[in-house]
Amino acid sequence: MNSSKRSISIPRSFSKLLSCGSFSLVAVSDESLTAFNDLKLGKKHKYVIYKINDSKTEIIVDKISSDESYDAFLEALPEDDSRYAVYDFQYEISSTEGKRSKIIFFTWSPETASVRSKMIYASSKDALRRALNGVSTDIQGTDFSDVAFESVLERVSRGAGSH
């Protein structure tokens, strides 16, 4: 019997998946991570919206914006398809405490999206979420009331003492 060892070369995109323990076969693109870091560290963007590419193999950037309007962010979410997003959410608890900022991770899966879309996004979420270090809060949205400013403000202000 030949007991020689063979090494297997794993593409970088798959090694990212394996290291995060995700069971999805969808990888996170380098562009997706760069866009997140530009939002988090460079404050170059207000939000980044991600989608799964047409071949269902990679999470890519769908839209980047520096528009300060939360309404503009909501308008960028499709009414009939799933998406992921990160948003640099700024809010004020009281006039004496000043402004705070938290990075929010959104899983947008509207009721009008196809079952297949919802399933693919649900099974692939962890691959992206675990790659994005520094996210404060996760929000799951199935309709616009779930992601309304007031709903998000209520969620983030529960942990008012943290940044």
N, C-alpha and C. Protein backbone atom coordinates (compact mmCIF):
# COMPACT_ATOMS: atom_id res chain seq x y z
N MET A 1 0.83 -1.19 0.00
CA MET A 1 0.00 0.00 0.00
C MET A 1 0.86 1.24 0.00
N ASN A 2 0.50 2.16 -0.82
CA ASN A 2 1.21 3.43 -0.88
C ASN A 2 0.56 4.40 0.10
N SER A 3 1.31 4.83 1.07
CA SER A 3 0.75 5.72 2.10
C SER A 3 1.27 7.14 1.96
N SER A 4 1.64 7.54 0.76
CA SER A 4 2.11 8.91 0.57
C SER A 4 0.97 9.90 0.76
N LYS A 5 1.31 11.03 1.31
CA LYS A 5 0.30 12.06 1.58
C LYS A 5 0.17 12.96 0.37
N ARG A 6 -1.04 13.37 0.10
CA ARG A 6 -1.30 14.31 -0.98
C ARG A 6 -1.82 15.59 -0.39
N SER A 7 -1.38 16.70 -0.92
CA SER A 7 -1.92 17.97 -0.45
C SER A 7 -2.93 18.48 -1.48
N ILE A 8 -3.93 19.08 -0.97
CA ILE A 8 -4.98 19.62 -1.83
C ILE A 8 -4.92 21.14 -1.74
N SER A 9 -4.92 21.76 -2.87
CA SER A 9 -4.91 23.23 -2.91
C SER A 9 -6.35 23.73 -2.87
N ILE A 10 -6.64 24.56 -1.88
CA ILE A 10 -7.98 25.12 -1.75
C ILE A 10 -7.94 26.58 -2.18
N PRO A 11 -8.79 26.97 -3.12
CA PRO A 11 -8.81 28.38 -3.54
C PRO A 11 -9.07 29.29 -2.34
N ARG A 12 -8.51 30.48 -2.38
CA ARG A 12 -8.61 31.42 -1.28
C ARG A 12 -10.05 31.71 -0.89
N SER A 13 -10.94 31.87 -1.87
CA SER A 13 -12.33 32.18 -1.56
C SER A 13 -12.99 31.05 -0.78
N PHE A 14 -12.61 29.80 -1.06
CA PHE A 14 -13.18 28.68 -0.33
C PHE A 14 -12.55 28.56 1.05
N SER A 15 -11.28 28.92 1.17
CA SER A 15 -10.66 28.83 2.49
C SER A 15 -11.30 29.83 3.45
N LYS A 16 -11.77 30.97 2.93
CA LYS A 16 -12.50 31.93 3.77
C LYS A 16 -13.78 31.28 4.29
N LEU A 17 -14.45 30.55 3.43
CA LEU A 17 -15.69 29.86 3.83
C LEU A 17 -15.41 28.81 4.89
N LEU A 18 -14.41 28.00 4.65
CA LEU A 18 -14.11 26.92 5.57
C LEU A 18 -13.69 27.45 6.93
N SER A 19 -12.95 28.54 6.94
CA SER A 19 -12.46 29.07 8.20
C SER A 19 -13.59 29.66 9.05
N CYS A 20 -14.68 30.07 8.43
CA CYS A 20 -15.77 30.64 9.21
C CYS A 20 -16.82 29.61 9.58
N GLY A 21 -16.65 28.37 9.13
CA GLY A 21 -17.55 27.31 9.51
C GLY A 21 -18.90 27.35 8.82
N SER A 22 -19.01 28.09 7.75
CA SER A 22 -20.28 28.19 7.04
C SER A 22 -20.52 26.94 6.21
N PHE A 23 -21.77 26.54 6.08
CA PHE A 23 -22.11 25.39 5.28
C PHE A 23 -22.55 25.79 3.88
N SER A 24 -22.58 27.06 3.62
CA SER A 24 -22.95 27.56 2.31
C SER A 24 -21.75 27.44 1.38
N LEU A 25 -22.01 27.28 0.10
CA LEU A 25 -20.93 27.26 -0.86
C LEU A 25 -20.72 28.63 -1.51
N VAL A 26 -21.25 29.65 -0.88
CA VAL A 26 -21.10 31.01 -1.38
C VAL A 26 -19.93 31.68 -0.67
N ALA A 27 -18.99 32.20 -1.44
CA ALA A 27 -17.82 32.87 -0.89
C ALA A 27 -18.07 34.37 -0.77
N VAL A 28 -17.25 35.02 0.02
CA VAL A 28 -17.32 36.47 0.18
C VAL A 28 -16.21 37.09 -0.67
N SER A 29 -16.59 37.98 -1.59
CA SER A 29 -15.58 38.59 -2.47
C SER A 29 -14.68 39.54 -1.68
N ASP A 30 -13.46 39.71 -2.16
CA ASP A 30 -12.53 40.65 -1.56
C ASP A 30 -13.10 42.07 -1.62
N GLU A 31 -13.79 42.38 -2.72
CA GLU A 31 -14.42 43.70 -2.89
C GLU A 31 -15.43 43.97 -1.76
N SER A 32 -16.14 42.93 -1.34
CA SER A 32 -17.12 43.08 -0.26
C SER A 32 -16.44 43.46 1.05
N LEU A 33 -15.33 42.82 1.34
CA LEU A 33 -14.59 43.12 2.57
C LEU A 33 -13.96 44.50 2.52
N THR A 34 -13.42 44.86 1.35
CA THR A 34 -12.83 46.19 1.20
C THR A 34 -13.87 47.28 1.40
N ALA A 35 -15.05 47.10 0.83
CA ALA A 35 -16.13 48.10 0.98
C ALA A 35 -16.53 48.24 2.44
N PHE A 36 -16.61 47.12 3.16
CA PHE A 36 -16.94 47.17 4.58
C PHE A 36 -15.87 47.92 5.36
N ASN A 37 -14.61 47.60 5.12
CA ASN A 37 -13.53 48.27 5.84
C ASN A 37 -13.46 49.75 5.51
N ASP A 38 -13.79 50.12 4.28
CA ASP A 38 -13.85 51.54 3.94
C ASP A 38 -14.95 52.24 4.71
N LEU A 39 -16.06 51.56 4.95
CA LEU A 39 -17.16 52.13 5.74
C LEU A 39 -16.74 52.21 7.21
N LYS A 40 -16.20 51.14 7.73
CA LYS A 40 -15.88 51.05 9.15
C LYS A 40 -14.68 51.91 9.54
N LEU A 41 -13.60 51.78 8.82
CA LEU A 41 -12.36 52.44 9.21
C LEU A 41 -12.18 53.80 8.55
N GLY A 42 -12.51 53.87 7.28
CA GLY A 42 -12.28 55.10 6.54
C GLY A 42 -13.46 56.05 6.53
N LYS A 43 -14.62 55.56 6.99
CA LYS A 43 -15.85 56.36 6.98
C LYS A 43 -16.10 56.96 5.59
N LYS A 44 -15.72 56.19 4.54
CA LYS A 44 -15.91 56.65 3.16
C LYS A 44 -17.34 56.46 2.69
N HIS A 45 -18.06 55.52 3.32
CA HIS A 45 -19.41 55.20 2.88
C HIS A 45 -20.37 55.26 4.06
N LYS A 46 -21.63 55.51 3.77
CA LYS A 46 -22.68 55.45 4.78
C LYS A 46 -23.27 54.04 4.83
N TYR A 47 -23.38 53.43 3.65
CA TYR A 47 -23.88 52.06 3.62
C TYR A 47 -23.34 51.30 2.42
N VAL A 48 -23.37 49.97 2.56
CA VAL A 48 -22.99 49.06 1.49
C VAL A 48 -24.09 48.01 1.42
N ILE A 49 -24.60 47.77 0.21
CA ILE A 49 -25.59 46.73 -0.01
C ILE A 49 -24.91 45.61 -0.80
N TYR A 50 -25.09 44.40 -0.32
CA TYR A 50 -24.48 43.23 -0.94
C TYR A 50 -25.55 42.34 -1.57
N LYS A 51 -25.14 41.61 -2.60
CA LYS A 51 -26.03 40.61 -3.19
C LYS A 51 -25.21 39.38 -3.54
N ILE A 52 -25.91 38.30 -3.81
CA ILE A 52 -25.26 37.08 -4.26
C ILE A 52 -25.25 37.13 -5.79
N ASN A 53 -24.09 36.86 -6.37
CA ASN A 53 -23.97 36.96 -7.83
C ASN A 53 -24.91 35.98 -8.54
N ASP A 54 -25.07 36.18 -9.84
CA ASP A 54 -26.03 35.38 -10.62
C ASP A 54 -25.72 33.89 -10.62
N SER A 55 -24.44 33.53 -10.51
CA SER A 55 -24.09 32.11 -10.50
C SER A 55 -24.17 31.50 -9.10
N LYS A 56 -24.59 32.32 -8.12
CA LYS A 56 -24.81 31.87 -6.73
C LYS A 56 -23.55 31.32 -6.08
N THR A 57 -22.40 31.93 -6.42
CA THR A 57 -21.13 31.45 -5.88
C THR A 57 -20.42 32.46 -4.99
N GLU A 58 -20.84 33.73 -5.05
CA GLU A 58 -20.08 34.76 -4.34
C GLU A 58 -20.98 35.91 -3.90
N ILE A 59 -20.69 36.45 -2.72
CA ILE A 59 -21.36 37.64 -2.23
C ILE A 59 -20.55 38.83 -2.72
N ILE A 60 -21.22 39.71 -3.47
CA ILE A 60 -20.55 40.85 -4.10
C ILE A 60 -21.24 42.15 -3.68
N VAL A 61 -20.59 43.26 -3.96
CA VAL A 61 -21.17 44.57 -3.68
C VAL A 61 -22.22 44.89 -4.74
N ASP A 62 -23.39 45.27 -4.27
CA ASP A 62 -24.48 45.68 -5.15
C ASP A 62 -24.51 47.20 -5.27
N LYS A 63 -24.34 47.89 -4.14
CA LYS A 63 -24.40 49.35 -4.14
C LYS A 63 -23.63 49.89 -2.95
N ILE A 64 -22.93 50.99 -3.19
CA ILE A 64 -22.23 51.73 -2.14
C ILE A 64 -22.72 53.17 -2.21
N SER A 65 -22.94 53.77 -1.03
CA SER A 65 -23.37 55.15 -1.03
C SER A 65 -22.85 55.89 0.19
N SER A 66 -22.64 57.18 0.01
CA SER A 66 -22.27 58.04 1.13
C SER A 66 -23.42 59.00 1.46
N ASP A 67 -24.58 58.76 0.86
CA ASP A 67 -25.77 59.56 1.14
C ASP A 67 -26.16 59.41 2.60
N GLU A 68 -26.26 60.51 3.32
CA GLU A 68 -26.56 60.50 4.76
C GLU A 68 -28.02 60.17 5.06
N SER A 69 -28.88 60.18 4.09
CA SER A 69 -30.31 59.98 4.31
C SER A 69 -30.63 58.49 4.53
N TYR A 70 -31.25 58.19 5.68
CA TYR A 70 -31.66 56.82 5.95
C TYR A 70 -32.74 56.39 4.96
N ASP A 71 -33.58 57.33 4.55
CA ASP A 71 -34.62 57.03 3.56
C ASP A 71 -34.00 56.59 2.23
N ALA A 72 -32.88 57.20 1.85
CA ALA A 72 -32.19 56.80 0.61
C ALA A 72 -31.71 55.35 0.72
N PHE A 73 -31.23 54.97 1.90
CA PHE A 73 -30.82 53.59 2.12
C PHE A 73 -32.01 52.65 1.95
N LEU A 74 -33.13 52.98 2.57
CA LEU A 74 -34.32 52.12 2.46
C LEU A 74 -34.80 52.01 1.02
N GLU A 75 -34.73 53.11 0.29
CA GLU A 75 -35.15 53.10 -1.12
C GLU A 75 -34.24 52.22 -1.98
N ALA A 76 -33.00 52.03 -1.54
CA ALA A 76 -32.05 51.21 -2.30
C ALA A 76 -32.28 49.70 -2.09
N LEU A 77 -33.05 49.35 -1.08
CA LEU A 77 -33.37 47.93 -0.86
C LEU A 77 -34.47 47.51 -1.83
N PRO A 78 -34.28 46.42 -2.54
CA PRO A 78 -35.30 46.00 -3.51
C PRO A 78 -36.57 45.50 -2.82
N GLU A 79 -37.70 45.77 -3.44
CA GLU A 79 -38.98 45.37 -2.85
C GLU A 79 -39.25 43.88 -3.00
N ASP A 80 -38.57 43.23 -3.97
CA ASP A 80 -38.92 41.85 -4.27
C ASP A 80 -37.72 40.90 -4.35
N ASP A 81 -36.60 41.27 -3.71
CA ASP A 81 -35.45 40.38 -3.71
C ASP A 81 -34.67 40.58 -2.42
N SER A 82 -33.93 39.57 -2.03
CA SER A 82 -33.16 39.60 -0.79
C SER A 82 -31.83 40.31 -1.00
N ARG A 83 -31.30 40.85 0.09
CA ARG A 83 -29.99 41.51 0.09
C ARG A 83 -29.43 41.47 1.51
N TYR A 84 -28.14 41.73 1.61
CA TYR A 84 -27.49 42.03 2.88
C TYR A 84 -27.06 43.48 2.79
N ALA A 85 -26.90 44.11 3.95
CA ALA A 85 -26.41 45.48 3.96
C ALA A 85 -25.71 45.77 5.27
N VAL A 86 -24.78 46.71 5.22
CA VAL A 86 -24.22 47.29 6.44
C VAL A 86 -24.46 48.79 6.36
N TYR A 87 -24.81 49.36 7.51
CA TYR A 87 -25.15 50.77 7.57
C TYR A 87 -24.48 51.39 8.78
N ASP A 88 -23.84 52.54 8.60
CA ASP A 88 -23.23 53.28 9.70
C ASP A 88 -24.33 54.13 10.32
N PHE A 89 -24.96 53.59 11.34
CA PHE A 89 -26.16 54.17 11.95
C PHE A 89 -25.76 55.16 13.03
N GLN A 90 -26.14 56.42 12.84
CA GLN A 90 -25.84 57.45 13.82
C GLN A 90 -27.13 57.87 14.50
N TYR A 91 -27.04 58.05 15.81
CA TYR A 91 -28.24 58.40 16.58
C TYR A 91 -27.83 59.16 17.83
N GLU A 92 -28.82 59.75 18.47
CA GLU A 92 -28.61 60.51 19.68
C GLU A 92 -29.61 60.02 20.71
N ILE A 93 -29.11 59.61 21.88
CA ILE A 93 -30.00 59.13 22.94
C ILE A 93 -30.62 60.32 23.66
N SER A 94 -29.78 61.26 24.03
CA SER A 94 -30.26 62.50 24.67
C SER A 94 -29.31 63.62 24.29
N SER A 95 -29.75 64.82 24.50
CA SER A 95 -28.92 65.97 24.11
C SER A 95 -27.65 66.06 24.94
N THR A 96 -27.63 65.45 26.11
CA THR A 96 -26.43 65.52 26.95
C THR A 96 -25.41 64.44 26.61
N GLU A 97 -25.82 63.36 25.97
CA GLU A 97 -24.89 62.27 25.68
C GLU A 97 -24.24 62.36 24.31
N GLY A 98 -24.74 63.22 23.45
CA GLY A 98 -24.14 63.39 22.14
C GLY A 98 -24.49 62.29 21.17
N LYS A 99 -23.89 62.37 19.98
CA LYS A 99 -24.18 61.39 18.93
C LYS A 99 -23.38 60.12 19.14
N ARG A 100 -23.99 59.03 18.73
CA ARG A 100 -23.34 57.73 18.75
C ARG A 100 -23.43 57.13 17.36
N SER A 101 -22.58 56.16 17.12
CA SER A 101 -22.55 55.51 15.83
C SER A 101 -22.36 54.01 16.03
N LYS A 102 -23.17 53.22 15.34
CA LYS A 102 -23.03 51.77 15.39
C LYS A 102 -23.18 51.23 13.97
N ILE A 103 -22.41 50.21 13.68
CA ILE A 103 -22.53 49.56 12.38
C ILE A 103 -23.56 48.45 12.50
N ILE A 104 -24.57 48.53 11.65
CA ILE A 104 -25.68 47.59 11.68
C ILE A 104 -25.57 46.67 10.46
N PHE A 105 -25.79 45.37 10.70
CA PHE A 105 -25.84 44.39 9.62
C PHE A 105 -27.31 44.04 9.38
N PHE A 106 -27.75 44.22 8.15
CA PHE A 106 -29.13 43.92 7.77
C PHE A 106 -29.18 42.68 6.90
N THR A 107 -30.13 41.81 7.21
CA THR A 107 -30.50 40.73 6.30
C THR A 107 -31.89 41.10 5.81
N TRP A 108 -31.97 41.48 4.56
CA TRP A 108 -33.22 41.94 3.96
C TRP A 108 -33.79 40.80 3.12
N SER A 109 -34.94 40.29 3.52
CA SER A 109 -35.56 39.18 2.81
C SER A 109 -37.07 39.42 2.79
N PRO A 110 -37.53 40.30 1.89
CA PRO A 110 -38.95 40.68 1.90
C PRO A 110 -39.86 39.50 1.58
N GLU A 111 -41.06 39.57 2.08
CA GLU A 111 -42.03 38.51 1.86
C GLU A 111 -42.29 38.27 0.38
N THR A 112 -42.11 39.29 -0.45
CA THR A 112 -42.35 39.17 -1.89
C THR A 112 -41.19 38.53 -2.66
N ALA A 113 -40.07 38.29 -1.98
CA ALA A 113 -38.94 37.63 -2.63
C ALA A 113 -39.28 36.16 -2.87
N SER A 114 -38.64 35.56 -3.86
CA SER A 114 -38.89 34.16 -4.14
C SER A 114 -38.39 33.28 -2.99
N VAL A 115 -38.98 32.13 -2.85
CA VAL A 115 -38.56 31.19 -1.81
C VAL A 115 -37.10 30.82 -2.01
N ARG A 116 -36.69 30.62 -3.24
CA ARG A 116 -35.30 30.26 -3.54
C ARG A 116 -34.35 31.37 -3.06
N SER A 117 -34.69 32.62 -3.36
CA SER A 117 -33.86 33.74 -2.93
C SER A 117 -33.74 33.76 -1.41
N LYS A 118 -34.85 33.60 -0.73
CA LYS A 118 -34.84 33.61 0.74
C LYS A 118 -33.97 32.49 1.29
N MET A 119 -34.06 31.32 0.69
CA MET A 119 -33.28 30.18 1.16
C MET A 119 -31.78 30.38 0.93
N ILE A 120 -31.42 30.87 -0.24
CA ILE A 120 -30.01 31.09 -0.55
C ILE A 120 -29.42 32.15 0.37
N TYR A 121 -30.14 33.24 0.58
CA TYR A 121 -29.63 34.30 1.46
C TYR A 121 -29.56 33.84 2.90
N ALA A 122 -30.54 33.07 3.36
CA ALA A 122 -30.52 32.57 4.73
C ALA A 122 -29.34 31.63 4.96
N SER A 123 -29.07 30.76 4.00
CA SER A 123 -27.99 29.79 4.16
C SER A 123 -26.60 30.39 3.96
N SER A 124 -26.52 31.55 3.34
CA SER A 124 -25.23 32.18 3.05
C SER A 124 -24.89 33.32 4.00
N LYS A 125 -25.80 33.71 4.84
CA LYS A 125 -25.61 34.87 5.71
C LYS A 125 -24.36 34.77 6.57
N ASP A 126 -24.15 33.62 7.19
CA ASP A 126 -23.02 33.49 8.11
C ASP A 126 -21.67 33.71 7.45
N ALA A 127 -21.54 33.33 6.19
CA ALA A 127 -20.27 33.54 5.49
C ALA A 127 -19.90 35.02 5.48
N LEU A 128 -20.86 35.88 5.17
CA LEU A 128 -20.60 37.32 5.15
C LEU A 128 -20.53 37.88 6.56
N ARG A 129 -21.48 37.53 7.39
CA ARG A 129 -21.56 38.11 8.73
C ARG A 129 -20.30 37.87 9.54
N ARG A 130 -19.76 36.68 9.46
CA ARG A 130 -18.54 36.36 10.22
C ARG A 130 -17.30 37.04 9.66
N ALA A 131 -17.35 37.42 8.40
CA ALA A 131 -16.21 38.11 7.79
C ALA A 131 -16.18 39.59 8.13
N LEU A 132 -17.29 40.12 8.63
CA LEU A 132 -17.40 41.56 8.91
C LEU A 132 -17.22 41.81 10.41
N ASN A 133 -15.98 42.05 10.81
CA ASN A 133 -15.68 42.31 12.22
C ASN A 133 -15.99 43.75 12.57
N GLY A 134 -16.70 43.94 13.67
CA GLY A 134 -17.01 45.30 14.12
C GLY A 134 -18.46 45.68 13.97
N VAL A 135 -19.30 44.72 13.58
CA VAL A 135 -20.73 44.99 13.47
C VAL A 135 -21.34 44.95 14.87
N SER A 136 -22.17 45.92 15.18
CA SER A 136 -22.76 46.04 16.50
C SER A 136 -24.06 45.26 16.66
N THR A 137 -24.92 45.37 15.67
CA THR A 137 -26.29 44.84 15.78
C THR A 137 -26.69 44.18 14.47
N ASP A 138 -27.46 43.11 14.58
CA ASP A 138 -28.03 42.44 13.41
C ASP A 138 -29.52 42.71 13.36
N ILE A 139 -30.00 43.07 12.19
CA ILE A 139 -31.43 43.33 11.98
C ILE A 139 -31.90 42.43 10.84
N GLN A 140 -32.97 41.70 11.08
CA GLN A 140 -33.61 40.88 10.04
C GLN A 140 -34.85 41.65 9.59
N GLY A 141 -34.95 41.90 8.30
CA GLY A 141 -36.10 42.62 7.76
C GLY A 141 -36.86 41.83 6.73
N THR A 142 -38.18 41.71 6.93
CA THR A 142 -39.03 41.08 5.93
C THR A 142 -40.00 42.08 5.32
N ASP A 143 -40.14 43.23 5.97
CA ASP A 143 -40.88 44.35 5.37
C ASP A 143 -40.27 45.64 5.90
N PHE A 144 -40.68 46.74 5.32
CA PHE A 144 -40.02 48.01 5.63
C PHE A 144 -40.23 48.47 7.07
N SER A 145 -41.29 48.00 7.74
CA SER A 145 -41.48 48.37 9.14
C SER A 145 -40.38 47.76 10.02
N ASP A 146 -39.84 46.61 9.63
CA ASP A 146 -38.77 45.97 10.39
C ASP A 146 -37.47 46.77 10.34
N VAL A 147 -37.27 47.53 9.28
CA VAL A 147 -36.02 48.27 9.09
C VAL A 147 -36.21 49.78 9.16
N ALA A 148 -37.40 50.21 9.59
CA ALA A 148 -37.67 51.64 9.74
C ALA A 148 -36.69 52.24 10.75
N PHE A 149 -36.37 53.50 10.60
CA PHE A 149 -35.40 54.17 11.47
C PHE A 149 -35.75 53.97 12.94
N GLU A 150 -37.01 54.16 13.29
CA GLU A 150 -37.44 54.05 14.68
C GLU A 150 -37.25 52.64 15.22
N SER A 151 -37.51 51.63 14.40
CA SER A 151 -37.32 50.23 14.82
C SER A 151 -35.84 49.94 15.09
N VAL A 152 -34.99 50.42 14.20
CA VAL A 152 -33.55 50.21 14.35
C VAL A 152 -33.04 51.00 15.55
N LEU A 153 -33.50 52.23 15.71
CA LEU A 153 -33.10 53.05 16.85
C LEU A 153 -33.44 52.37 18.17
N GLU A 154 -34.62 51.78 18.23
CA GLU A 154 -35.04 51.07 19.44
C GLU A 154 -34.09 49.91 19.74
N ARG A 155 -33.70 49.17 18.71
CA ARG A 155 -32.79 48.03 18.90
C ARG A 155 -31.41 48.48 19.37
N VAL A 156 -30.84 49.50 18.71
CA VAL A 156 -29.47 49.89 19.06
C VAL A 156 -29.39 50.64 20.39
N SER A 157 -30.45 51.34 20.74
CA SER A 157 -30.39 52.13 21.97
C SER A 157 -30.63 51.28 23.23
N ARG A 158 -31.04 50.01 23.05
CA ARG A 158 -31.16 49.11 24.21
C ARG A 158 -29.82 48.94 24.90
N GLY A 159 -28.77 48.90 24.11
CA GLY A 159 -27.42 48.80 24.67
C GLY A 159 -26.76 50.15 24.70
N ALA A 160 -27.46 51.14 25.26
CA ALA A 160 -27.04 52.55 25.19
C ALA A 160 -25.66 52.81 25.77
N GLY A 161 -25.22 52.00 26.70
CA GLY A 161 -23.93 52.26 27.34
C GLY A 161 -22.76 51.82 26.49
N SER A 162 -23.00 51.09 25.39
CA SER A 162 -21.87 50.60 24.58
C SER A 162 -21.76 51.38 23.28
N HIS A 163 -20.60 51.28 22.67
CA HIS A 163 -20.38 51.97 21.39
C HIS A 163 -20.28 50.97 20.31
